[in-house]
Amino acid sequence: MKQISQINTPINREIVERKIEELEVPEIGNASIREIVQLVSSIEAVTGDRYVRMEMGVPGLPAAKVGVDAEIEALHNNVAAAYPRIDGIQPLKDETSRFVKLFMNIDVKPEGCIPTVGSMEGSYAAFLVCGGCRKERDTALFIDPGFPVQKQQLLVMGQKYETFDVFDYRGEKLRAKLDSYLSKGNINCIIYSNPNNPSWICFNDEELKIIGDLANQYDVVIIEDLAYFGMDFRQDLSQPGVPPYQATVARYTGNYILMISSSKVFSYAGQRIGMIVISDALYHRHFPYLEERLKVHGFGNAIVHRVLYSLTSGTSHSSQYALAAMFKAACDGTFNFIEQVKEYGEKAKIMKKLFVDNGFIIVYDTDLGQPVGDGFYFTIAYPGMTGPELLHKLLYYGISAISLGNTGSTKEGLRACVSHVKRDQFGDLETRLKQFNSDFAEI
């Protein structure tokens, strides 16, 4: 394998190294998402070179017009002058309840549908309350790989967590693996994303039933992150009230919190609004230790009147009207939100082929024996390189991503996000990958 110092790379190596040094990160290959964003932006500013940016999961499509129009109307109606209800405006609560019925086929009362400042606040609130329900239950369990910042939230809170990479524990194997953690008696909640960030695998009903059954057996809360709601493009999940529905653990347990984001499926990331949906049973459940700590009765009240009140005292008033309108239009069948985000899957298919044709491999390549779907993310590796090494070297070629190690994966490689890669960059990507493969392929 050639030494990098012998190669004339597309991006000036000295500038890349200087900017890495200025960032003051001990190992750039292990840098966080936001640190990579800052690094690449600073390199682009100095060199004028345009990176193929795959590091951050930011929507790359216009915000849903139905939401924008509704929010503008709400602002004209002077909602900006009034504080919103902490638990959400009634139209949004009603439309969220309707949305989960029509697209997931589950029944949840509107009171358990609560807006948050993005799913980030939703997970923070859920972790905080789940961690305070029982003194002996002091640990969260991540079914990884997953969203790195959720672990950072627990770090900030001073809460414990455990984690395992699900790649080798699909299907019935998942039962014994989960049982090995739950049987210790210290787990308060389990969190995963479905479709999964970053592998894009999707739990099926057999696996979700296993998770739900164990949640019932061990009395733990399941936090299901649906940031990519309906984006398993291998099946059509776009028709309200018509199967198939978005897969969910909610069919198998009442111990659940769903997190539904507006950021990806509605491209509404900038307004920072999402929903947590708490089951009717969990919303009204009493935990003596939680009530002793927070001086409030019931799990749902602890979320709303203690945690969310303390964090932000509610979610942007006008954006709640936007999300209510988007849910309503989706439920009415006048807004096919799945159709508008299929672009991500189409781009992923093209980009994956460019990488594979130039010596890379797809790390999480199968999903229960079938090829993994094409979506918002995919995972790549290059023979002979660790994930951090690959990331470092790709920066010289104008390509950025994040290390799979940051996601809790035990595999070597990178997470690649397709959203901010424009189709007019595919030519540059192919040229840079061809040179990379020529420069580093084993002879």
Protein backbone atom coordinates (compact mmCIF):
# COMPACT_ATOMS: atom_id res chain seq x y z
CA MET A 1 0.00 0.00 0.00
CA LYS A 2 1.37 3.40 -0.94
CA GLN A 3 2.34 5.98 1.63
CA ILE A 4 0.09 9.02 1.58
CA SER A 5 3.11 11.33 1.36
CA GLN A 6 3.86 9.86 -2.08
CA ILE A 7 0.45 10.67 -3.52
CA ASN A 8 -0.80 13.84 -5.18
CA THR A 9 -4.26 13.95 -3.59
CA PRO A 10 -7.23 16.05 -4.79
CA ILE A 11 -7.21 18.14 -1.59
CA ASN A 12 -4.03 19.76 -0.26
CA ARG A 13 -2.81 17.45 2.51
CA GLU A 14 -0.96 20.17 4.40
CA ILE A 15 -4.12 22.26 4.70
CA VAL A 16 -6.13 19.21 5.81
CA GLU A 17 -3.57 18.40 8.50
CA ARG A 18 -3.35 21.98 9.68
CA LYS A 19 -7.12 22.19 10.05
CA ILE A 20 -7.18 18.86 11.89
CA GLU A 21 -4.56 20.21 14.29
CA GLU A 22 -6.57 23.40 14.84
CA LEU A 23 -9.62 21.33 15.72
CA GLU A 24 -7.68 19.86 18.68
CA VAL A 25 -9.23 16.40 18.40
CA PRO A 26 -6.82 13.63 19.51
CA GLU A 27 -7.80 11.25 16.68
CA ILE A 28 -9.77 12.72 13.81
CA GLY A 29 -11.02 9.30 12.80
CA ASN A 30 -12.99 9.18 16.05
CA ALA A 31 -14.30 12.75 15.83
CA SER A 32 -17.97 13.50 16.43
CA ILE A 33 -20.40 14.43 13.65
CA ARG A 34 -20.32 18.13 14.49
CA GLU A 35 -16.51 18.14 14.70
CA ILE A 36 -16.26 16.65 11.21
CA VAL A 37 -18.77 19.23 9.96
CA GLN A 38 -16.62 22.04 11.41
CA LEU A 39 -13.44 20.54 10.01
CA VAL A 40 -14.70 20.06 6.46
CA SER A 41 -16.30 23.50 6.35
CA SER A 42 -13.00 25.08 7.38
CA ILE A 43 -11.07 23.13 4.72
CA GLU A 44 -13.56 24.12 2.03
CA ALA A 45 -13.31 27.76 3.09
CA VAL A 46 -9.52 27.79 2.69
CA THR A 47 -9.10 25.60 -0.41
CA GLY A 48 -12.28 26.46 -2.31
CA ASP A 49 -12.67 22.75 -3.01
CA ARG A 50 -16.13 21.19 -2.74
CA TYR A 51 -16.35 18.07 -0.60
CA VAL A 52 -18.68 15.15 -1.13
CA ARG A 53 -20.20 15.57 2.32
CA MET A 54 -21.64 12.45 3.87
CA GLU A 55 -20.97 13.14 7.54
CA MET A 56 -24.21 14.67 8.79
CA GLY A 57 -27.79 13.48 8.50
CA VAL A 58 -29.28 16.77 7.38
CA PRO A 59 -32.28 16.78 5.02
CA GLY A 60 -31.36 17.62 1.46
CA LEU A 61 -34.86 18.31 0.16
CA PRO A 62 -37.13 21.38 0.47
CA ALA A 63 -39.35 21.56 3.54
CA ALA A 64 -42.87 20.25 2.99
CA LYS A 65 -44.93 23.13 1.58
CA VAL A 66 -48.05 22.18 3.50
CA GLY A 67 -46.13 22.70 6.74
CA VAL A 68 -44.55 25.97 5.65
CA ASP A 69 -47.91 27.40 4.58
CA ALA A 70 -49.58 26.38 7.84
CA GLU A 71 -46.79 27.87 9.92
CA ILE A 72 -46.91 31.17 8.02
CA GLU A 73 -50.65 31.34 8.56
CA ALA A 74 -50.19 30.63 12.27
CA LEU A 75 -47.65 33.42 12.55
CA HIS A 76 -50.02 35.82 10.78
CA ASN A 77 -52.60 34.79 13.39
CA ASN A 78 -50.20 36.04 16.08
CA VAL A 79 -49.41 32.71 17.77
CA ALA A 80 -45.83 33.95 18.21
CA ALA A 81 -47.11 36.28 20.92
CA ALA A 82 -48.47 33.46 23.08
CA TYR A 83 -46.80 30.62 24.96
CA PRO A 84 -47.94 27.22 23.68
CA ARG A 85 -49.25 24.51 25.96
CA ILE A 86 -46.36 22.41 27.21
CA ASP A 87 -48.15 19.22 26.24
CA GLY A 88 -48.99 20.57 22.78
CA ILE A 89 -51.79 22.32 20.97
CA GLN A 90 -54.90 20.18 20.65
CA PRO A 91 -54.96 20.01 16.82
CA LEU A 92 -51.44 18.55 16.82
CA LYS A 93 -52.24 16.05 19.56
CA ASP A 94 -55.36 14.94 17.70
CA GLU A 95 -53.63 14.63 14.32
CA THR A 96 -50.69 12.73 15.83
CA SER A 97 -53.07 10.20 17.37
CA ARG A 98 -54.77 9.87 13.99
CA PHE A 99 -51.42 9.56 12.17
CA VAL A 100 -50.17 6.64 14.28
CA LYS A 101 -53.52 4.90 13.81
CA LEU A 102 -53.53 5.25 10.03
CA PHE A 103 -49.83 4.63 9.38
CA MET A 104 -48.96 2.26 12.23
CA ASN A 105 -52.36 0.74 13.08
CA ILE A 106 -52.01 1.43 16.80
CA ASP A 107 -54.36 3.29 19.13
CA VAL A 108 -53.01 6.03 21.39
CA LYS A 109 -55.06 8.78 23.00
CA PRO A 110 -54.13 12.35 22.08
CA GLU A 111 -53.01 13.13 25.65
CA GLY A 112 -49.99 10.86 25.19
CA CYS A 113 -48.92 12.63 21.98
CA ILE A 114 -46.53 15.39 23.05
CA PRO A 115 -44.41 17.76 20.92
CA THR A 116 -40.73 18.15 21.70
CA VAL A 117 -37.93 20.33 20.36
CA GLY A 118 -36.95 17.65 17.90
CA SER A 119 -36.52 14.01 18.83
CA MET A 120 -33.34 15.06 20.61
CA GLU A 121 -35.41 16.62 23.39
CA GLY A 122 -37.77 13.67 23.25
CA SER A 123 -35.01 11.14 23.92
CA TYR A 124 -33.48 13.34 26.63
CA ALA A 125 -36.82 13.55 28.44
CA ALA A 126 -37.46 9.83 28.01
CA PHE A 127 -34.02 8.85 29.34
CA LEU A 128 -34.36 11.17 32.30
CA VAL A 129 -37.74 9.84 33.39
CA CYS A 130 -37.01 6.18 32.63
CA GLY A 131 -33.84 6.48 34.69
CA GLY A 132 -35.81 7.86 37.65
CA CYS A 133 -38.60 5.29 37.88
CA ARG A 134 -36.81 2.73 40.05
CA LYS A 135 -33.63 3.24 41.99
CA GLU A 136 -32.14 -0.13 41.07
CA ARG A 137 -32.83 0.40 37.34
CA ASP A 138 -29.96 2.77 36.58
CA THR A 139 -28.89 1.68 33.07
CA ALA A 140 -30.21 2.14 29.52
CA LEU A 141 -29.57 -0.49 26.84
CA PHE A 142 -28.81 0.45 23.23
CA ILE A 143 -29.44 -1.98 20.41
CA ASP A 144 -26.66 -0.66 18.20
CA PRO A 145 -25.50 0.68 15.84
CA GLY A 146 -27.34 3.89 16.56
CA PHE A 147 -27.40 7.67 16.79
CA PRO A 148 -24.21 8.68 18.67
CA VAL A 149 -25.65 11.78 20.36
CA GLN A 150 -28.15 9.75 22.40
CA LYS A 151 -25.25 8.26 24.32
CA GLN A 152 -23.87 11.77 24.77
CA GLN A 153 -27.18 12.74 26.37
CA LEU A 154 -26.76 10.01 28.97
CA LEU A 155 -23.18 11.12 29.53
CA VAL A 156 -24.42 14.65 30.22
CA MET A 157 -27.06 13.31 32.63
CA GLY A 158 -24.57 11.10 34.42
CA GLN A 159 -26.59 7.99 33.60
CA LYS A 160 -25.21 4.57 32.71
CA TYR A 161 -25.75 2.62 29.52
CA GLU A 162 -24.82 -0.68 27.93
CA THR A 163 -24.74 -1.55 24.27
CA PHE A 164 -24.34 -4.34 21.76
CA ASP A 165 -24.05 -4.51 17.97
CA VAL A 166 -27.14 -6.31 16.65
CA PHE A 167 -25.51 -7.51 13.42
CA ASP A 168 -24.85 -11.04 14.72
CA TYR A 169 -28.09 -11.26 16.73
CA ARG A 170 -30.88 -11.00 14.20
CA GLY A 171 -34.06 -13.04 14.31
CA GLU A 172 -34.49 -15.48 17.18
CA LYS A 173 -30.87 -14.89 18.28
CA LEU A 174 -32.01 -11.49 19.54
CA ARG A 175 -34.00 -13.08 22.37
CA ALA A 176 -31.08 -14.66 24.20
CA LYS A 177 -28.88 -11.62 23.68
CA LEU A 178 -31.44 -9.23 25.17
CA ASP A 179 -32.22 -11.66 27.99
CA SER A 180 -28.55 -11.71 28.98
CA TYR A 181 -28.79 -7.98 29.74
CA LEU A 182 -32.32 -7.77 31.10
CA SER A 183 -31.92 -10.66 33.51
CA LYS A 184 -29.39 -8.61 35.52
CA GLY A 185 -32.24 -6.36 36.70
CA ASN A 186 -30.56 -2.98 36.10
CA ILE A 187 -32.00 -2.02 32.69
CA ASN A 188 -34.70 0.68 32.70
CA CYS A 189 -35.16 1.15 28.94
CA ILE A 190 -34.11 -0.18 25.55
CA ILE A 191 -33.57 2.16 22.60
CA TYR A 192 -33.14 1.47 18.90
CA SER A 193 -33.95 3.10 15.56
CA ASN A 194 -36.07 1.42 12.88
CA PRO A 195 -35.06 1.82 10.03
CA ASN A 196 -31.67 1.78 11.64
CA ASN A 197 -29.22 4.68 11.63
CA PRO A 198 -26.64 3.92 10.18
CA SER A 199 -26.96 0.34 8.89
CA TRP A 200 -30.46 0.77 7.40
CA ILE A 201 -31.49 -2.69 8.56
CA CYS A 202 -35.14 -2.93 9.61
CA PHE A 203 -36.48 -5.05 12.45
CA ASN A 204 -39.33 -7.29 11.31
CA ASP A 205 -42.40 -8.35 13.27
CA GLU A 206 -40.68 -11.46 14.68
CA GLU A 207 -37.90 -9.35 16.16
CA LEU A 208 -40.23 -6.63 17.40
CA LYS A 209 -42.37 -9.28 19.11
CA ILE A 210 -39.26 -10.60 20.84
CA ILE A 211 -38.44 -7.10 22.06
CA GLY A 212 -42.04 -6.52 23.16
CA ASP A 213 -42.33 -9.88 24.93
CA LEU A 214 -39.13 -9.24 26.89
CA ALA A 215 -40.28 -5.70 27.70
CA ASN A 216 -43.37 -7.25 29.26
CA GLN A 217 -41.42 -9.98 31.05
CA TYR A 218 -38.82 -7.66 32.57
CA ASP A 219 -40.98 -4.53 32.76
CA VAL A 220 -38.70 -2.21 30.82
CA VAL A 221 -39.65 0.74 28.60
CA ILE A 222 -38.94 0.52 24.88
CA ILE A 223 -37.92 3.79 23.21
CA GLU A 224 -38.47 3.32 19.49
CA ASP A 225 -36.80 6.00 17.39
CA LEU A 226 -38.76 6.44 14.16
CA ALA A 227 -36.68 9.26 12.70
CA TYR A 228 -36.95 7.60 9.27
CA PHE A 229 -40.63 6.78 9.49
CA GLY A 230 -41.87 4.77 6.51
CA MET A 231 -38.53 5.00 4.69
CA ASP A 232 -38.05 1.28 4.17
CA PHE A 233 -38.60 1.73 0.46
CA ARG A 234 -38.71 -2.03 -0.17
CA GLN A 235 -42.44 -1.81 0.59
CA ASP A 236 -45.07 0.87 0.10
CA LEU A 237 -45.93 2.38 3.49
CA SER A 238 -47.42 5.56 2.08
CA GLN A 239 -51.15 4.84 2.05
CA PRO A 240 -53.11 5.92 5.15
CA GLY A 241 -55.17 3.14 6.69
CA VAL A 242 -53.92 0.55 4.20
CA PRO A 243 -51.46 -2.22 5.10
CA PRO A 244 -48.56 -2.72 5.23
CA TYR A 245 -47.96 -0.37 8.13
CA GLN A 246 -44.77 1.01 9.67
CA ALA A 247 -43.39 -1.82 11.81
CA THR A 248 -43.47 -1.10 15.55
CA VAL A 249 -42.99 -2.73 18.93
CA ALA A 250 -46.24 -1.06 20.01
CA ARG A 251 -48.16 -4.08 18.69
CA TYR A 252 -46.53 -6.31 21.31
CA THR A 253 -46.18 -4.26 24.48
CA GLY A 254 -47.73 -1.33 26.29
CA ASN A 255 -44.34 -0.27 27.68
CA TYR A 256 -43.32 2.04 24.85
CA ILE A 257 -42.42 5.56 23.83
CA LEU A 258 -42.34 6.30 20.11
CA MET A 259 -40.29 9.18 18.76
CA ILE A 260 -41.53 10.62 15.46
CA SER A 261 -39.37 13.31 13.91
CA SER A 262 -40.34 15.94 11.34
CA SER A 263 -36.73 16.42 10.26
CA LYS A 264 -36.25 13.70 7.65
CA VAL A 265 -39.67 12.58 6.43
CA PHE A 266 -41.00 16.15 6.19
CA SER A 267 -37.62 17.90 5.70
CA TYR A 268 -38.60 20.19 8.56
CA ALA A 269 -35.37 19.95 10.54
CA GLY A 270 -34.81 23.67 10.97
CA GLN A 271 -37.94 24.21 13.04
CA ARG A 272 -36.89 21.61 15.62
CA ILE A 273 -40.14 19.79 16.24
CA GLY A 274 -40.89 16.14 16.79
CA MET A 275 -43.37 14.06 18.76
CA ILE A 276 -43.11 11.56 21.54
CA VAL A 277 -46.01 9.15 21.67
CA ILE A 278 -46.47 7.44 25.03
CA SER A 279 -48.76 4.43 25.31
CA ASP A 280 -51.97 4.95 27.26
CA ALA A 281 -50.87 2.42 29.88
CA LEU A 282 -47.43 3.92 30.44
CA TYR A 283 -48.67 7.50 30.43
CA HIS A 284 -50.82 6.91 33.52
CA ARG A 285 -48.53 4.47 35.31
CA HIS A 286 -47.31 5.41 38.78
CA PHE A 287 -43.77 4.75 40.00
CA PRO A 288 -43.34 5.51 43.73
CA TYR A 289 -39.62 6.34 43.40
CA LEU A 290 -40.31 8.70 40.47
CA GLU A 291 -43.09 10.44 42.40
CA GLU A 292 -40.82 10.81 45.41
CA ARG A 293 -38.12 12.41 43.27
CA LEU A 294 -40.20 14.70 41.06
CA LYS A 295 -43.25 15.31 43.26
CA VAL A 296 -45.72 14.45 40.51
CA HIS A 297 -48.08 11.57 39.86
CA GLY A 298 -47.74 9.45 36.74
CA PHE A 299 -45.10 8.81 34.07
CA GLY A 300 -46.69 11.14 31.50
CA ASN A 301 -47.04 14.01 33.93
CA ALA A 302 -43.38 13.60 34.86
CA ILE A 303 -42.42 13.93 31.18
CA VAL A 304 -44.61 16.98 30.56
CA HIS A 305 -44.82 18.97 33.78
CA ARG A 306 -41.37 18.29 35.18
CA VAL A 307 -38.88 17.50 32.41
CA LEU A 308 -40.22 19.33 29.33
CA TYR A 309 -41.32 22.28 31.46
CA SER A 310 -37.81 22.49 32.92
CA LEU A 311 -36.02 22.06 29.59
CA THR A 312 -37.87 24.36 27.19
CA SER A 313 -41.32 25.07 28.62
CA GLY A 314 -42.83 23.84 25.38
CA THR A 315 -42.13 23.63 21.67
CA SER A 316 -42.28 26.47 19.12
CA HIS A 317 -45.93 27.48 18.84
CA SER A 318 -46.03 28.08 15.09
CA SER A 319 -44.14 24.88 14.22
CA GLN A 320 -46.78 22.87 16.06
CA TYR A 321 -49.35 24.16 13.56
CA ALA A 322 -46.99 23.16 10.75
CA LEU A 323 -46.63 19.59 12.00
CA ALA A 324 -50.37 19.30 12.65
CA ALA A 325 -51.01 20.33 9.03
CA MET A 326 -48.47 17.83 7.66
CA PHE A 327 -49.94 14.97 9.70
CA LYS A 328 -53.46 15.96 8.65
CA ALA A 329 -52.58 16.13 4.96
CA ALA A 330 -50.83 12.75 5.17
CA CYS A 331 -53.85 11.20 6.90
CA ASP A 332 -56.27 12.80 4.42
CA GLY A 333 -54.27 11.30 1.55
CA THR A 334 -53.48 14.69 -0.01
CA PHE A 335 -49.76 14.61 0.88
CA ASN A 336 -47.67 11.53 0.06
CA PHE A 337 -44.71 12.23 2.29
CA ILE A 338 -43.03 8.94 1.40
CA GLU A 339 -42.97 9.73 -2.32
CA GLN A 340 -41.03 12.96 -1.75
CA VAL A 341 -38.21 11.27 0.19
CA LYS A 342 -37.67 8.36 -2.22
CA GLU A 343 -34.89 10.48 -3.72
CA TYR A 344 -32.68 9.37 -0.85
CA GLY A 345 -33.06 5.71 -1.75
CA GLU A 346 -32.41 6.40 -5.42
CA LYS A 347 -29.23 8.31 -4.63
CA ALA A 348 -28.06 5.62 -2.19
CA LYS A 349 -28.35 2.95 -4.90
CA ILE A 350 -26.14 4.97 -7.26
CA MET A 351 -23.59 5.93 -4.61
CA LYS A 352 -23.25 2.42 -3.22
CA LYS A 353 -22.43 1.12 -6.69
CA LEU A 354 -19.76 3.80 -7.16
CA PHE A 355 -18.08 2.74 -3.92
CA VAL A 356 -18.33 -1.01 -4.61
CA ASP A 357 -17.04 -0.59 -8.18
CA ASN A 358 -13.95 1.07 -6.72
CA GLY A 359 -12.85 -1.49 -4.16
CA PHE A 360 -15.08 -0.66 -1.19
CA ILE A 361 -17.44 -3.05 0.53
CA ILE A 362 -20.84 -2.45 2.13
CA VAL A 363 -20.43 -3.33 5.81
CA TYR A 364 -24.04 -3.98 6.77
CA ASP A 365 -24.94 -5.51 3.42
CA THR A 366 -27.80 -7.86 4.29
CA ASP A 367 -31.01 -7.64 6.27
CA LEU A 368 -32.13 -11.09 7.47
CA GLY A 369 -30.69 -12.74 4.38
CA GLN A 370 -31.96 -10.12 1.93
CA PRO A 371 -29.94 -7.22 0.48
CA VAL A 372 -30.20 -4.23 2.80
CA GLY A 373 -32.50 -1.52 1.48
CA ASP A 374 -31.40 1.76 -0.06
CA GLY A 375 -32.14 4.77 2.10
CA PHE A 376 -30.80 7.73 4.01
CA TYR A 377 -27.58 5.98 5.10
CA PHE A 378 -25.30 3.16 4.05
CA THR A 379 -22.06 1.78 5.47
CA ILE A 380 -18.72 1.37 3.74
CA ALA A 381 -15.28 -0.08 4.43
CA TYR A 382 -12.04 -0.47 2.50
CA PRO A 383 -9.88 -3.61 2.77
CA GLY A 384 -6.89 -3.23 5.06
CA MET A 385 -8.06 0.00 6.72
CA THR A 386 -9.73 0.66 10.03
CA GLY A 387 -12.65 3.04 10.07
CA PRO A 388 -10.65 5.94 11.55
CA GLU A 389 -7.82 5.38 9.04
CA LEU A 390 -10.25 5.35 6.15
CA LEU A 391 -11.95 8.53 7.28
CA HIS A 392 -8.62 10.31 7.68
CA LYS A 393 -7.45 9.31 4.20
CA LEU A 394 -10.74 10.11 2.48
CA LEU A 395 -10.48 13.68 3.75
CA TYR A 396 -7.52 14.11 1.35
CA TYR A 397 -9.83 13.04 -1.48
CA GLY A 398 -12.62 15.49 -0.69
CA ILE A 399 -14.95 12.89 0.84
CA SER A 400 -16.26 13.05 4.41
CA ALA A 401 -18.21 10.67 6.63
CA ILE A 402 -18.11 9.46 10.25
CA SER A 403 -16.58 6.37 11.79
CA LEU A 404 -18.89 3.44 12.51
CA GLY A 405 -17.23 3.21 15.92
CA ASN A 406 -19.08 6.38 16.90
CA THR A 407 -22.40 4.62 16.31
CA GLY A 408 -21.71 1.72 18.65
CA SER A 409 -20.85 -0.63 15.80
CA THR A 410 -18.14 -3.24 16.32
CA LYS A 411 -17.38 -3.23 12.59
CA GLU A 412 -14.61 -1.27 10.89
CA GLY A 413 -15.89 1.28 8.42
CA LEU A 414 -17.81 4.49 7.94
CA ARG A 415 -21.37 5.75 7.95
CA ALA A 416 -22.25 7.55 4.72
CA CYS A 417 -25.27 9.85 4.51
CA VAL A 418 -26.69 10.55 1.05
CA SER A 419 -28.84 13.58 1.79
CA HIS A 420 -26.40 16.41 1.08
CA VAL A 421 -24.65 14.82 -1.87
CA LYS A 422 -26.03 16.44 -4.99
CA ARG A 423 -26.45 14.47 -8.19
CA ASP A 424 -24.09 16.87 -9.95
CA GLN A 425 -21.37 15.61 -7.58
CA PHE A 426 -21.58 11.98 -8.68
CA GLY A 427 -18.94 12.59 -11.35
CA ASP A 428 -16.52 14.05 -8.80
CA LEU A 429 -17.27 11.20 -6.40
CA GLU A 430 -16.53 8.60 -9.04
CA THR A 431 -13.28 10.30 -10.09
CA ARG A 432 -12.06 10.61 -6.49
CA LEU A 433 -12.97 7.01 -5.65
CA LYS A 434 -11.16 5.73 -8.73
CA GLN A 435 -8.02 7.59 -7.68
CA PHE A 436 -8.37 6.42 -4.08
CA ASN A 437 -8.65 2.81 -5.20
CA SER A 438 -5.73 3.19 -7.58
CA ASP A 439 -3.61 4.76 -4.84
CA PHE A 440 -4.41 2.25 -2.09
CA ALA A 441 -5.40 -1.04 -3.68
CA GLU A 442 -3.21 -3.95 -2.62
CA ILE A 443 -1.00 -5.14 -5.45
